[in-house]
Protein backbone atom coordinates (compact mmCIF):
# COMPACT_ATOMS: atom_id res chain seq x y z
CA MET A 1 0.08 -0.04 0.05
CA THR A 2 2.85 2.45 -0.74
CA ASP A 3 0.73 4.11 -3.48
CA LEU A 4 -1.61 5.74 -1.27
CA SER A 5 -2.15 9.56 -1.36
CA GLN A 6 -2.10 11.81 1.78
CA ASP A 7 -5.83 11.73 1.92
CA GLN A 8 -5.77 8.00 2.03
CA VAL A 9 -3.07 7.89 4.70
CA ASP A 10 -4.91 10.06 6.94
CA LYS A 11 -8.20 8.07 6.34
CA ARG A 12 -6.20 4.75 7.20
CA ALA A 13 -4.68 6.52 10.30
CA ALA A 14 -8.27 7.62 11.46
CA ILE A 15 -9.44 4.04 11.22
CA GLN A 16 -6.56 2.50 12.83
CA LYS A 17 -6.88 5.06 15.86
CA THR A 18 -10.74 4.18 16.14
CA ALA A 19 -9.92 0.28 16.02
CA THR A 20 -7.02 0.55 18.41
CA ILE A 21 -9.39 2.45 20.96
CA TRP A 22 -12.09 -0.23 20.67
CA GLY A 23 -9.37 -2.88 21.12
CA VAL A 24 -8.21 -1.34 24.19
CA ILE A 25 -11.68 -1.12 25.75
CA ALA A 26 -12.58 -4.65 24.97
CA GLY A 27 -9.21 -5.93 26.23
CA ALA A 28 -9.57 -4.11 29.47
CA VAL A 29 -13.19 -5.54 30.01
CA ALA A 30 -12.05 -9.01 29.09
CA GLY A 31 -9.11 -8.81 31.24
CA LEU A 32 -11.18 -7.75 34.26
CA ILE A 33 -13.69 -10.39 33.60
CA ALA A 34 -11.07 -12.98 33.35
CA LEU A 35 -9.32 -11.75 36.53
CA TRP A 36 -12.58 -12.13 38.26
CA ILE A 37 -13.28 -15.45 36.95
CA LEU A 38 -9.73 -16.88 37.85
CA GLY A 39 -10.01 -15.36 41.36
CA GLY A 40 -9.47 -18.78 42.99
CA GLN A 41 -6.20 -19.49 41.13
CA GLY A 42 -2.70 -18.82 42.35
CA GLY A 43 -1.22 -15.23 41.47
CA ALA A 44 0.75 -16.27 38.31
CA VAL A 45 -2.00 -18.26 36.86
CA ARG A 46 -4.58 -15.59 37.60
CA TYR A 47 -2.69 -12.42 36.43
CA GLY A 48 -1.01 -14.39 33.65
CA GLY A 49 -4.42 -15.67 32.32
CA ALA A 50 -6.01 -12.23 32.47
CA VAL A 51 -3.19 -10.71 30.50
CA ILE A 52 -3.46 -13.30 27.82
CA ILE A 53 -7.19 -13.17 27.55
CA ALA A 54 -7.03 -9.22 27.65
CA LEU A 55 -4.58 -9.24 24.73
CA ALA A 56 -6.23 -11.76 22.61
CA ALA A 57 -9.68 -9.98 23.15
CA GLY A 58 -8.15 -6.67 22.30
CA PHE A 59 -6.27 -7.79 19.37
CA LEU A 60 -9.35 -9.61 17.76
CA VAL A 61 -11.64 -6.60 18.31
CA SER A 62 -8.99 -4.28 16.84
CA TRP A 63 -8.47 -6.23 13.94
CA ALA A 64 -12.30 -6.57 13.28
CA SER A 65 -12.90 -3.02 13.74
CA PHE A 66 -10.08 -2.20 11.30
CA LYS A 67 -11.26 -4.49 8.84
CA SER A 68 -14.85 -3.07 9.02
CA GLY A 69 -13.66 0.51 8.66
CA SER A 70 -11.49 -0.45 5.79
CA LYS A 71 -14.07 -2.19 3.94
CA SER A 72 -16.44 0.88 4.36
CA ALA A 73 -13.69 3.23 3.10
CA GLN A 74 -12.99 1.21 -0.05
CA CYS A 75 -14.31 2.23 -3.33
CA PRO A 76 -16.93 -0.36 -4.82
CA LYS A 77 -15.98 0.69 -8.42
CA CYS A 78 -12.24 0.88 -8.55
CA GLY A 79 -11.30 -0.98 -5.21
CA ALA A 80 -8.91 1.68 -4.02
CA ALA A 81 -8.41 1.40 -0.31
CA PHE A 82 -9.12 4.22 1.98
CA SER A 83 -10.48 6.34 -0.91
CA LEU A 84 -14.06 7.20 0.09
CA SER A 85 -14.87 9.95 2.08
CA ARG A 86 -18.14 11.74 2.60
CA SER A 87 -18.18 14.81 0.36
CA ASP A 88 -21.90 16.04 0.94
CA HIS A 89 -24.52 15.58 3.68
CA VAL A 90 -28.17 16.88 3.10
CA GLU A 91 -31.02 16.72 5.55
CA THR A 92 -34.63 17.31 4.61
CA LEU A 93 -37.37 17.92 7.00
CA VAL A 94 -40.23 15.41 6.42
CA SER A 95 -42.48 16.08 9.40
CA SER A 96 -42.48 17.44 12.95
CA THR A 97 -44.60 16.27 15.64
CA ASP A 98 -44.96 17.52 19.25
CA LYS A 99 -44.40 14.75 21.82
CA GLU A 100 -44.87 14.49 25.53
CA GLU A 101 -43.66 11.90 28.32
CA ARG A 102 -44.87 11.75 31.77
CA GLU A 103 -42.98 10.13 34.58
CA GLU A 104 -44.07 9.63 38.15
CA GLN A 105 -41.47 10.65 40.74
CA THR A 106 -41.01 8.89 44.07
CA ASP A 107 -42.43 11.93 45.88
CA LYS A 108 -45.68 11.60 43.88
CA SER A 109 -44.93 14.51 41.77
CA THR A 110 -44.63 14.15 37.98
CA LYS A 111 -41.75 15.06 35.61
CA VAL A 112 -43.30 16.18 32.05
CA THR A 113 -40.92 16.18 29.46
CA THR A 114 -42.01 17.91 26.06
CA TRP A 115 -40.09 17.92 22.72
CA THR A 116 -40.58 18.30 19.02
CA GLU A 117 -39.55 15.31 17.11
CA ASP A 118 -38.50 15.86 13.61
CA THR A 119 -38.36 12.95 10.88
CA LEU A 120 -35.63 13.83 8.34
CA ASP A 121 -34.62 12.22 5.01
CA VAL A 122 -30.78 12.21 4.75
CA VAL A 123 -28.63 11.76 1.69
CA ASP A 124 -25.02 11.43 2.15
CA THR A 125 -22.63 11.53 -0.84
CA TYR A 126 -19.44 9.77 -0.91
CA THR A 127 -16.63 10.55 -3.54
CA CYS A 128 -13.58 8.30 -4.42
CA ALA A 129 -10.24 10.06 -4.18
CA LYS A 130 -8.85 7.65 -7.04
CA CYS A 131 -11.53 7.51 -9.66
CA ALA A 132 -13.76 10.30 -8.68
CA ASP A 133 -16.68 8.04 -8.60
CA VAL A 134 -19.81 9.50 -6.61
CA SER A 135 -22.16 7.40 -4.73
CA THR A 136 -25.04 8.11 -2.33
CA LYS A 137 -26.70 6.68 0.64
CA SER A 138 -30.33 7.49 1.66
CA TYR A 139 -31.79 6.93 4.93
CA LYS A 140 -34.51 8.32 7.50
CA THR A 141 -33.67 9.53 10.98
CA THR A 142 -35.52 11.11 13.81
CA ARG A 143 -33.99 14.00 16.01
CA ARG A 144 -35.41 15.75 19.19
CA ARG A 145 -35.33 19.44 19.43
CA ASP A 146 -36.72 21.96 21.98
CA GLU A 147 -36.77 19.39 24.83
CA LYS A 148 -38.05 20.86 28.08
CA SER A 149 -38.75 19.22 31.45
CA VAL A 150 -41.01 20.42 34.11
CA VAL A 151 -41.66 18.78 37.37
CA GLU A 152 -45.48 19.12 38.50
CA PRO A 153 -45.78 19.02 42.26
CA PHE A 154 -48.33 16.54 43.51
CA GLU A 155 -51.86 18.00 44.38
CA PRO A 156 -54.22 15.71 46.57
CA PRO A 157 -57.58 15.26 44.97
CA ARG A 158 -59.98 18.22 46.03
CA GLU A 159 -63.26 17.60 47.66
CA ASN A 160 -65.87 18.30 44.85
CA ALA A 161 -69.14 20.22 45.88
CA LYS A 162 -71.57 17.45 46.58
CA SER A 163 -74.46 17.16 44.25
CA GLY A 164 -77.33 15.04 43.33
CA LYS A 165 -79.40 12.77 45.50
CA ARG A 166 -76.73 11.78 48.03
CA ALA A 167 -75.92 15.46 48.52
CA ALA A 168 -79.59 16.13 49.11
CA ALA A 169 -80.10 13.37 51.41
CA LYS A 170 -76.98 14.33 53.53
CA ALA A 171 -78.16 17.88 53.55
CA ASP A 172 -81.52 16.66 54.89
CA ASP A 173 -79.94 14.70 57.63
CA ALA A 174 -78.19 17.78 58.79
CA LYS A 175 -81.43 19.70 59.42
CA PRO A 176 -82.59 20.57 62.81
CA ASP A 177 -85.59 18.74 64.24
CA GLY A 178 -85.37 15.98 61.63
CA ALA A 179 -87.16 17.81 59.04
CA LYS A 180 -86.72 16.65 55.58
CA ALA A 181 -86.90 18.90 52.55
CA GLY A 182 -88.54 16.37 50.34
CA ASN A 183 -91.29 15.43 52.83
CA PRO A 184 -92.84 18.56 54.70
CA ARG A 185 -95.56 16.21 56.52
CA LYS A 186 -93.07 14.51 58.91
CA ARG A 187 -92.19 17.74 60.65
CA ARG A 188 -92.38 17.73 64.42
CA ARG A 189 -94.30 20.40 66.25
């Protein structure tokens, strides 16, 4: 790969850096898990095994990540390695919808989150540095904007004004001398 242009060398270095970061993360996680699993073993076996497993996992993840990144940066027309780069990105708004989410808190208050959700059509354009071939990729995505959260305090239910037959019956029971509003003959004299 000595015939790479400066753009291709930069692209390769960026892919290598990302692959190395993912390899280190995976190696560290695998090493810690191996250290925990080998906890009952002697010191040399425990630490040696954890290091070997960490190195193997890190190498495999780094290699897979680099291979995947290299394949996505290869021109499908001329096959040049590390030659594709995004040259344009266009987003078109399809629709906007107001959304609301309510979440009850432990103190019985309610957290209300409101936002506008935009649905977008996205077109990415990729250009090959070698053959100047142009390809596009289209997809849909959603994005939140104007997100606001408010906590509504808890309000106990209010006593409603009583109405109807039950209220009239209770009001009659409260009258002095046992007089009933609906039956005037039963008054005491």
